[in-house]
Amino acid sequence: MERDYRKEKMELDKKLEDIQDIQVVLHMLQEATDLIDRAKKRLMYNRKAKDLDIDHLIRNAHESLVECVDRIKNPDEP
């Protein structure tokens, strides 16, 4: 009986660690997304022809990060 309890506790502790790791990654991705949003806003105010390529790269990176965050938050959705 006590062995079952220990085994179950170890499994739950492992799951908790996994969840905490995912939370850290989510936080990092959210920070990166926020930084990209700020960069996009700056580019919108300082628009020059050469900035268009940078803007395109930032948009693509932002879309990828948003998709990544959404997939982590909602793993069951396609």
PDB file of N, CA and C in Angstrom:
ATOM      1  N   MET A   1       0.830  -1.193   0.000  1.00  0.00           N
ATOM      2  CA  MET A   1       0.000   0.000   0.000  1.00  0.00           C
ATOM      3  C   MET A   1       0.872   1.253   0.000  1.00  0.00           C
ATOM      4  N   GLU A   2       1.879   1.262   0.880  1.00  0.00           N
ATOM      5  CA  GLU A   2       2.753   2.429   0.958  1.00  0.00           C
ATOM      6  C   GLU A   2       3.566   2.580  -0.323  1.00  0.00           C
ATOM      7  N   ARG A   3       3.938   1.454  -0.935  1.00  0.00           N
ATOM      8  CA  ARG A   3       4.689   1.491  -2.202  1.00  0.00           C
ATOM      9  C   ARG A   3       3.850   2.143  -3.301  1.00  0.00           C
ATOM     10  N   ASP A   4       2.577   1.781  -3.354  1.00  0.00           N
ATOM     11  CA  ASP A   4       1.684   2.369  -4.348  1.00  0.00           C
ATOM     12  C   ASP A   4       1.600   3.877  -4.152  1.00  0.00           C
ATOM     13  N   TYR A   5       1.524   4.285  -2.906  1.00  0.00           N
ATOM     14  CA  TYR A   5       1.460   5.709  -2.593  1.00  0.00           C
ATOM     15  C   TYR A   5       2.733   6.413  -3.056  1.00  0.00           C
ATOM     16  N   ARG A   6       3.878   5.815  -2.778  1.00  0.00           N
ATOM     17  CA  ARG A   6       5.157   6.414  -3.186  1.00  0.00           C
ATOM     18  C   ARG A   6       5.262   6.510  -4.706  1.00  0.00           C
ATOM     19  N   LYS A   7       4.863   5.427  -5.360  1.00  0.00           N
ATOM     20  CA  LYS A   7       4.933   5.411  -6.825  1.00  0.00           C
ATOM     21  C   LYS A   7       4.009   6.478  -7.413  1.00  0.00           C
ATOM     22  N   GLU A   8       2.804   6.555  -6.887  1.00  0.00           N
ATOM     23  CA  GLU A   8       1.849   7.554  -7.372  1.00  0.00           C
ATOM     24  C   GLU A   8       2.362   8.968  -7.102  1.00  0.00           C
ATOM     25  N   LYS A   9       2.953   9.172  -5.932  1.00  0.00           N
ATOM     26  CA  LYS A   9       3.500  10.487  -5.598  1.00  0.00           C
ATOM     27  C   LYS A   9       4.641  10.853  -6.542  1.00  0.00           C
ATOM     28  N   MET A  10       5.498   9.891  -6.857  1.00  0.00           N
ATOM     29  CA  MET A  10       6.603  10.150  -7.787  1.00  0.00           C
ATOM     30  C   MET A  10       6.071  10.520  -9.171  1.00  0.00           C
ATOM     31  N   GLU A  11       5.031   9.818  -9.614  1.00  0.00           N
ATOM     32  CA  GLU A  11       4.434  10.120 -10.919  1.00  0.00           C
ATOM     33  C   GLU A  11       3.823  11.515 -10.926  1.00  0.00           C
ATOM     34  N   LEU A  12       3.133  11.850  -9.851  1.00  0.00           N
ATOM     35  CA  LEU A  12       2.528  13.179  -9.758  1.00  0.00           C
ATOM     36  C   LEU A  12       3.591  14.272  -9.676  1.00  0.00           C
ATOM     37  N   ASP A  13       4.667  14.011  -8.949  1.00  0.00           N
ATOM     38  CA  ASP A  13       5.764  14.982  -8.872  1.00  0.00           C
ATOM     39  C   ASP A  13       6.389  15.208 -10.244  1.00  0.00           C
ATOM     40  N   LYS A  14       6.537  14.143 -11.016  1.00  0.00           N
ATOM     41  CA  LYS A  14       7.091  14.257 -12.366  1.00  0.00           C
ATOM     42  C   LYS A  14       6.166  15.089 -13.252  1.00  0.00           C
ATOM     43  N   LYS A  15       4.873  14.833 -13.158  1.00  0.00           N
ATOM     44  CA  LYS A  15       3.903  15.602 -13.939  1.00  0.00           C
ATOM     45  C   LYS A  15       3.933  17.074 -13.539  1.00  0.00           C
ATOM     46  N   LEU A  16       4.064  17.330 -12.245  1.00  0.00           N
ATOM     47  CA  LEU A  16       4.151  18.711 -11.772  1.00  0.00           C
ATOM     48  C   LEU A  16       5.394  19.396 -12.328  1.00  0.00           C
ATOM     49  N   GLU A  17       6.513  18.693 -12.337  1.00  0.00           N
ATOM     50  CA  GLU A  17       7.747  19.240 -12.920  1.00  0.00           C
ATOM     51  C   GLU A  17       7.554  19.573 -14.391  1.00  0.00           C
ATOM     52  N   ASP A  18       6.907  18.665 -15.113  1.00  0.00           N
ATOM     53  CA  ASP A  18       6.653  18.897 -16.538  1.00  0.00           C
ATOM     54  C   ASP A  18       5.789  20.137 -16.741  1.00  0.00           C
ATOM     55  N   ILE A  19       4.766  20.276 -15.932  1.00  0.00           N
ATOM     56  CA  ILE A  19       3.880  21.439 -16.029  1.00  0.00           C
ATOM     57  C   ILE A  19       4.654  22.715 -15.726  1.00  0.00           C
ATOM     58  N   GLN A  20       5.498  22.681 -14.707  1.00  0.00           N
ATOM     59  CA  GLN A  20       6.283  23.862 -14.362  1.00  0.00           C
ATOM     60  C   GLN A  20       7.262  24.217 -15.481  1.00  0.00           C
ATOM     61  N   ASP A  21       7.854  23.209 -16.111  1.00  0.00           N
ATOM     62  CA  ASP A  21       8.744  23.461 -17.248  1.00  0.00           C
ATOM     63  C   ASP A  21       7.985  24.122 -18.392  1.00  0.00           C
ATOM     64  N   ILE A  22       6.794  23.631 -18.657  1.00  0.00           N
ATOM     65  CA  ILE A  22       5.979  24.205 -19.723  1.00  0.00           C
ATOM     66  C   ILE A  22       5.607  25.643 -19.385  1.00  0.00           C
ATOM     67  N   GLN A  23       5.302  25.912 -18.123  1.00  0.00           N
ATOM     68  CA  GLN A  23       4.967  27.274 -17.718  1.00  0.00           C
ATOM     69  C   GLN A  23       6.141  28.218 -17.939  1.00  0.00           C
ATOM     70  N   VAL A  24       7.343  27.762 -17.665  1.00  0.00           N
ATOM     71  CA  VAL A  24       8.537  28.586 -17.885  1.00  0.00           C
ATOM     72  C   VAL A  24       8.696  28.882 -19.373  1.00  0.00           C
ATOM     73  N   VAL A  25       8.533  27.855 -20.196  1.00  0.00           N
ATOM     74  CA  VAL A  25       8.655  28.049 -21.646  1.00  0.00           C
ATOM     75  C   VAL A  25       7.575  28.999 -22.146  1.00  0.00           C
ATOM     76  N   LEU A  26       6.355  28.819 -21.662  1.00  0.00           N
ATOM     77  CA  LEU A  26       5.271  29.720 -22.054  1.00  0.00           C
ATOM     78  C   LEU A  26       5.591  31.161 -21.687  1.00  0.00           C
ATOM     79  N   HIS A  27       6.116  31.354 -20.501  1.00  0.00           N
ATOM     80  CA  HIS A  27       6.474  32.701 -20.056  1.00  0.00           C
ATOM     81  C   HIS A  27       7.546  33.297 -20.971  1.00  0.00           C
ATOM     82  N   MET A  28       8.541  32.501 -21.320  1.00  0.00           N
ATOM     83  CA  MET A  28       9.605  32.986 -22.199  1.00  0.00           C
ATOM     84  C   MET A  28       9.056  33.327 -23.587  1.00  0.00           C
ATOM     85  N   LEU A  29       8.186  32.478 -24.103  1.00  0.00           N
ATOM     86  CA  LEU A  29       7.586  32.745 -25.406  1.00  0.00           C
ATOM     87  C   LEU A  29       6.715  33.995 -25.363  1.00  0.00           C
ATOM     88  N   GLN A  30       5.995  34.186 -24.272  1.00  0.00           N
ATOM     89  CA  GLN A  30       5.154  35.374 -24.144  1.00  0.00           C
ATOM     90  C   GLN A  30       6.013  36.630 -24.100  1.00  0.00           C
ATOM     91  N   GLU A  31       7.128  36.579 -23.384  1.00  0.00           N
ATOM     92  CA  GLU A  31       8.038  37.725 -23.345  1.00  0.00           C
ATOM     93  C   GLU A  31       8.587  38.030 -24.735  1.00  0.00           C
ATOM     94  N   ALA A  32       8.963  36.993 -25.472  1.00  0.00           N
ATOM     95  CA  ALA A  32       9.479  37.192 -26.827  1.00  0.00           C
ATOM     96  C   ALA A  32       8.403  37.798 -27.723  1.00  0.00           C
ATOM     97  N   THR A  33       7.184  37.316 -27.585  1.00  0.00           N
ATOM     98  CA  THR A  33       6.082  37.857 -28.374  1.00  0.00           C
ATOM     99  C   THR A  33       5.858  39.329 -28.039  1.00  0.00           C
ATOM    100  N   ASP A  34       5.919  39.674 -26.767  1.00  0.00           N
ATOM    101  CA  ASP A  34       5.749  41.070 -26.358  1.00  0.00           C
ATOM    102  C   ASP A  34       6.846  41.957 -26.936  1.00  0.00           C
ATOM    103  N   LEU A  35       8.080  41.460 -26.929  1.00  0.00           N
ATOM    104  CA  LEU A  35       9.187  42.232 -27.500  1.00  0.00           C
ATOM    105  C   LEU A  35       8.988  42.451 -28.997  1.00  0.00           C
ATOM    106  N   ILE A  36       8.535  41.431 -29.677  1.00  0.00           N
ATOM    107  CA  ILE A  36       8.288  41.569 -31.111  1.00  0.00           C
ATOM    108  C   ILE A  36       7.155  42.561 -31.353  1.00  0.00           C
ATOM    109  N   ASP A  37       6.127  42.522 -30.534  1.00  0.00           N
ATOM    110  CA  ASP A  37       5.037  43.496 -30.665  1.00  0.00           C
ATOM    111  C   ASP A  37       5.555  44.922 -30.517  1.00  0.00           C
ATOM    112  N   ARG A  38       6.418  45.132 -29.535  1.00  0.00           N
ATOM    113  CA  ARG A  38       6.986  46.476 -29.341  1.00  0.00           C
ATOM    114  C   ARG A  38       7.823  46.891 -30.539  1.00  0.00           C
ATOM    115  N   ALA A  39       8.602  45.955 -31.076  1.00  0.00           N
ATOM    116  CA  ALA A  39       9.422  46.265 -32.250  1.00  0.00           C
ATOM    117  C   ALA A  39       8.536  46.598 -33.447  1.00  0.00           C
ATOM    118  N   LYS A  40       7.437  45.866 -33.598  1.00  0.00           N
ATOM    119  CA  LYS A  40       6.513  46.144 -34.698  1.00  0.00           C
ATOM    120  C   LYS A  40       5.938  47.550 -34.572  1.00  0.00           C
ATOM    121  N   LYS A  41       5.568  47.942 -33.367  1.00  0.00           N
ATOM    122  CA  LYS A  41       5.013  49.285 -33.161  1.00  0.00           C
ATOM    123  C   LYS A  41       6.040  50.355 -33.498  1.00  0.00           C
ATOM    124  N   ARG A  42       7.284  50.134 -33.093  1.00  0.00           N
ATOM    125  CA  ARG A  42       8.338  51.100 -33.418  1.00  0.00           C
ATOM    126  C   ARG A  42       8.523  51.218 -34.920  1.00  0.00           C
ATOM    127  N   LEU A  43       8.502  50.082 -35.604  1.00  0.00           N
ATOM    128  CA  LEU A  43       8.661  50.109 -37.061  1.00  0.00           C
ATOM    129  C   LEU A  43       7.510  50.847 -37.727  1.00  0.00           C
ATOM    130  N   MET A  44       6.315  50.706 -37.190  1.00  0.00           N
ATOM    131  CA  MET A  44       5.166  51.379 -37.781  1.00  0.00           C
ATOM    132  C   MET A  44       5.326  52.893 -37.685  1.00  0.00           C
ATOM    133  N   TYR A  45       5.970  53.375 -36.639  1.00  0.00           N
ATOM    134  CA  TYR A  45       6.166  54.816 -36.474  1.00  0.00           C
ATOM    135  C   TYR A  45       7.384  55.319 -37.238  1.00  0.00           C
ATOM    136  N   ASN A  46       8.341  54.464 -37.505  1.00  0.00           N
ATOM    137  CA  ASN A  46       9.574  54.851 -38.192  1.00  0.00           C
ATOM    138  C   ASN A  46       9.697  54.127 -39.523  1.00  0.00           C
ATOM    139  N   ARG A  47       8.639  54.160 -40.293  1.00  0.00           N
ATOM    140  CA  ARG A  47       8.589  53.399 -41.547  1.00  0.00           C
ATOM    141  C   ARG A  47       9.503  54.022 -42.599  1.00  0.00           C
ATOM    142  N   LYS A  48      10.396  53.196 -43.114  1.00  0.00           N
ATOM    143  CA  LYS A  48      11.254  53.570 -44.234  1.00  0.00           C
ATOM    144  C   LYS A  48      11.265  52.390 -45.184  1.00  0.00           C
ATOM    145  N   ALA A  49      11.681  52.602 -46.406  1.00  0.00           N
ATOM    146  CA  ALA A  49      11.670  51.526 -47.400  1.00  0.00           C
ATOM    147  C   ALA A  49      12.509  50.338 -46.940  1.00  0.00           C
ATOM    148  N   LYS A  50      13.656  50.598 -46.331  1.00  0.00           N
ATOM    149  CA  LYS A  50      14.517  49.490 -45.913  1.00  0.00           C
ATOM    150  C   LYS A  50      13.947  48.715 -44.726  1.00  0.00           C
ATOM    151  N   ASP A  51      13.015  49.327 -44.005  1.00  0.00           N
ATOM    152  CA  ASP A  51      12.406  48.662 -42.859  1.00  0.00           C
ATOM    153  C   ASP A  51      11.390  47.597 -43.264  1.00  0.00           C
ATOM    154  N   LEU A  52      10.973  47.613 -44.526  1.00  0.00           N
ATOM    155  CA  LEU A  52       9.942  46.663 -44.951  1.00  0.00           C
ATOM    156  C   LEU A  52      10.407  45.218 -44.800  1.00  0.00           C
ATOM    157  N   ASP A  53      11.660  44.941 -45.130  1.00  0.00           N
ATOM    158  CA  ASP A  53      12.180  43.583 -44.968  1.00  0.00           C
ATOM    159  C   ASP A  53      12.216  43.187 -43.498  1.00  0.00           C
ATOM    160  N   ILE A  54      12.636  44.105 -42.648  1.00  0.00           N
ATOM    161  CA  ILE A  54      12.679  43.838 -41.208  1.00  0.00           C
ATOM    162  C   ILE A  54      11.266  43.589 -40.692  1.00  0.00           C
ATOM    163  N   ASP A  55      10.339  44.420 -41.138  1.00  0.00           N
ATOM    164  CA  ASP A  55       8.949  44.277 -40.721  1.00  0.00           C
ATOM    165  C   ASP A  55       8.406  42.907 -41.123  1.00  0.00           C
ATOM    166  N   HIS A  56       8.720  42.471 -42.322  1.00  0.00           N
ATOM    167  CA  HIS A  56       8.267  41.162 -42.807  1.00  0.00           C
ATOM    168  C   HIS A  56       8.826  40.041 -41.922  1.00  0.00           C
ATOM    169  N   LEU A  57      10.099  40.130 -41.591  1.00  0.00           N
ATOM    170  CA  LEU A  57      10.716  39.115 -40.728  1.00  0.00           C
ATOM    171  C   LEU A  57      10.079  39.104 -39.343  1.00  0.00           C
ATOM    172  N   ILE A  58       9.841  40.280 -38.814  1.00  0.00           N
ATOM    173  CA  ILE A  58       9.234  40.372 -37.483  1.00  0.00           C
ATOM    174  C   ILE A  58       7.825  39.799 -37.509  1.00  0.00           C
ATOM    175  N   ARG A  59       7.077  40.097 -38.551  1.00  0.00           N
ATOM    176  CA  ARG A  59       5.711  39.555 -38.651  1.00  0.00           C
ATOM    177  C   ARG A  59       5.732  38.024 -38.682  1.00  0.00           C
ATOM    178  N   ASN A  60       6.633  37.468 -39.477  1.00  0.00           N
ATOM    179  CA  ASN A  60       6.728  36.004 -39.556  1.00  0.00           C
ATOM    180  C   ASN A  60       7.125  35.398 -38.217  1.00  0.00           C
ATOM    181  N   ALA A  61       8.104  36.001 -37.553  1.00  0.00           N
ATOM    182  CA  ALA A  61       8.542  35.498 -36.247  1.00  0.00           C
ATOM    183  C   ALA A  61       7.409  35.592 -35.237  1.00  0.00           C
ATOM    184  N   HIS A  62       6.704  36.702 -35.271  1.00  0.00           N
ATOM    185  CA  HIS A  62       5.601  36.903 -34.342  1.00  0.00           C
ATOM    186  C   HIS A  62       4.508  35.858 -34.561  1.00  0.00           C
ATOM    187  N   GLU A  63       4.142  35.626 -35.809  1.00  0.00           N
ATOM    188  CA  GLU A  63       3.110  34.629 -36.107  1.00  0.00           C
ATOM    189  C   GLU A  63       3.532  33.244 -35.629  1.00  0.00           C
ATOM    190  N   SER A  64       4.790  32.914 -35.815  1.00  0.00           N
ATOM    191  CA  SER A  64       5.289  31.610 -35.369  1.00  0.00           C
ATOM    192  C   SER A  64       5.234  31.487 -33.853  1.00  0.00           C
ATOM    193  N   LEU A  65       5.636  32.539 -33.165  1.00  0.00           N
ATOM    194  CA  LEU A  65       5.604  32.504 -31.701  1.00  0.00           C
ATOM    195  C   LEU A  65       4.177  32.410 -31.180  1.00  0.00           C
ATOM    196  N   VAL A  66       3.273  33.173 -31.774  1.00  0.00           N
ATOM    197  CA  VAL A  66       1.880  33.133 -31.337  1.00  0.00           C
ATOM    198  C   VAL A  66       1.307  31.733 -31.542  1.00  0.00           C
ATOM    199  N   GLU A  67       1.612  31.137 -32.677  1.00  0.00           N
ATOM    200  CA  GLU A  67       1.139  29.778 -32.949  1.00  0.00           C
ATOM    201  C   GLU A  67       1.721  28.790 -31.940  1.00  0.00           C
ATOM    202  N   CYS A  68       2.987  28.956 -31.616  1.00  0.00           N
ATOM    203  CA  CYS A  68       3.644  28.077 -30.647  1.00  0.00           C
ATOM    204  C   CYS A  68       2.989  28.200 -29.276  1.00  0.00           C
ATOM    205  N   VAL A  69       2.755  29.430 -28.842  1.00  0.00           N
ATOM    206  CA  VAL A  69       2.119  29.661 -27.545  1.00  0.00           C
ATOM    207  C   VAL A  69       0.720  29.052 -27.539  1.00  0.00           C
ATOM    208  N   ASP A  70      -0.032  29.250 -28.617  1.00  0.00           N
ATOM    209  CA  ASP A  70      -1.385  28.687 -28.692  1.00  0.00           C
ATOM    210  C   ASP A  70      -1.365  27.167 -28.623  1.00  0.00           C
ATOM    211  N   ARG A  71      -0.415  26.548 -29.314  1.00  0.00           N
ATOM    212  CA  ARG A  71      -0.331  25.083 -29.298  1.00  0.00           C
ATOM    213  C   ARG A  71       0.028  24.563 -27.912  1.00  0.00           C
ATOM    214  N   ILE A  72       0.890  25.283 -27.216  1.00  0.00           N
ATOM    215  CA  ILE A  72       1.267  24.846 -25.869  1.00  0.00           C
ATOM    216  C   ILE A  72       0.095  25.030 -24.913  1.00  0.00           C
ATOM    217  N   LYS A  73      -0.618  26.147 -25.051  1.00  0.00           N
ATOM    218  CA  LYS A  73      -1.753  26.404 -24.166  1.00  0.00           C
ATOM    219  C   LYS A  73      -2.909  25.445 -24.437  1.00  0.00           C
ATOM    220  N   ASN A  74      -3.104  25.078 -25.702  1.00  0.00           N
ATOM    221  CA  ASN A  74      -4.223  24.217 -26.093  1.00  0.00           C
ATOM    222  C   ASN A  74      -3.709  23.028 -26.902  1.00  0.00           C
ATOM    223  N   PRO A  75      -3.061  22.061 -26.262  1.00  0.00           N
ATOM    224  CA  PRO A  75      -2.452  20.952 -27.006  1.00  0.00           C
ATOM    225  C   PRO A  75      -3.469  20.033 -27.683  1.00  0.00           C
ATOM    226  N   ASP A  76      -4.715  20.050 -27.235  1.00  0.00           N
ATOM    227  CA  ASP A  76      -5.713  19.146 -27.797  1.00  0.00           C
ATOM    228  C   ASP A  76      -6.316  19.665 -29.092  1.00  0.00           C
ATOM    229  N   GLU A  77      -6.172  20.968 -29.349  1.00  0.00           N
ATOM    230  CA  GLU A  77      -6.729  21.545 -30.571  1.00  0.00           C
ATOM    231  C   GLU A  77      -5.759  21.341 -31.725  1.00  0.00           C
ATOM    232  N   PRO A  78      -6.295  21.104 -32.933  1.00  0.00           N
ATOM    233  CA  PRO A  78      -5.411  20.876 -34.096  1.00  0.00           C
ATOM    234  C   PRO A  78      -4.678  22.128 -34.534  1.00  0.00           C
TER     235      PRO A  78
END
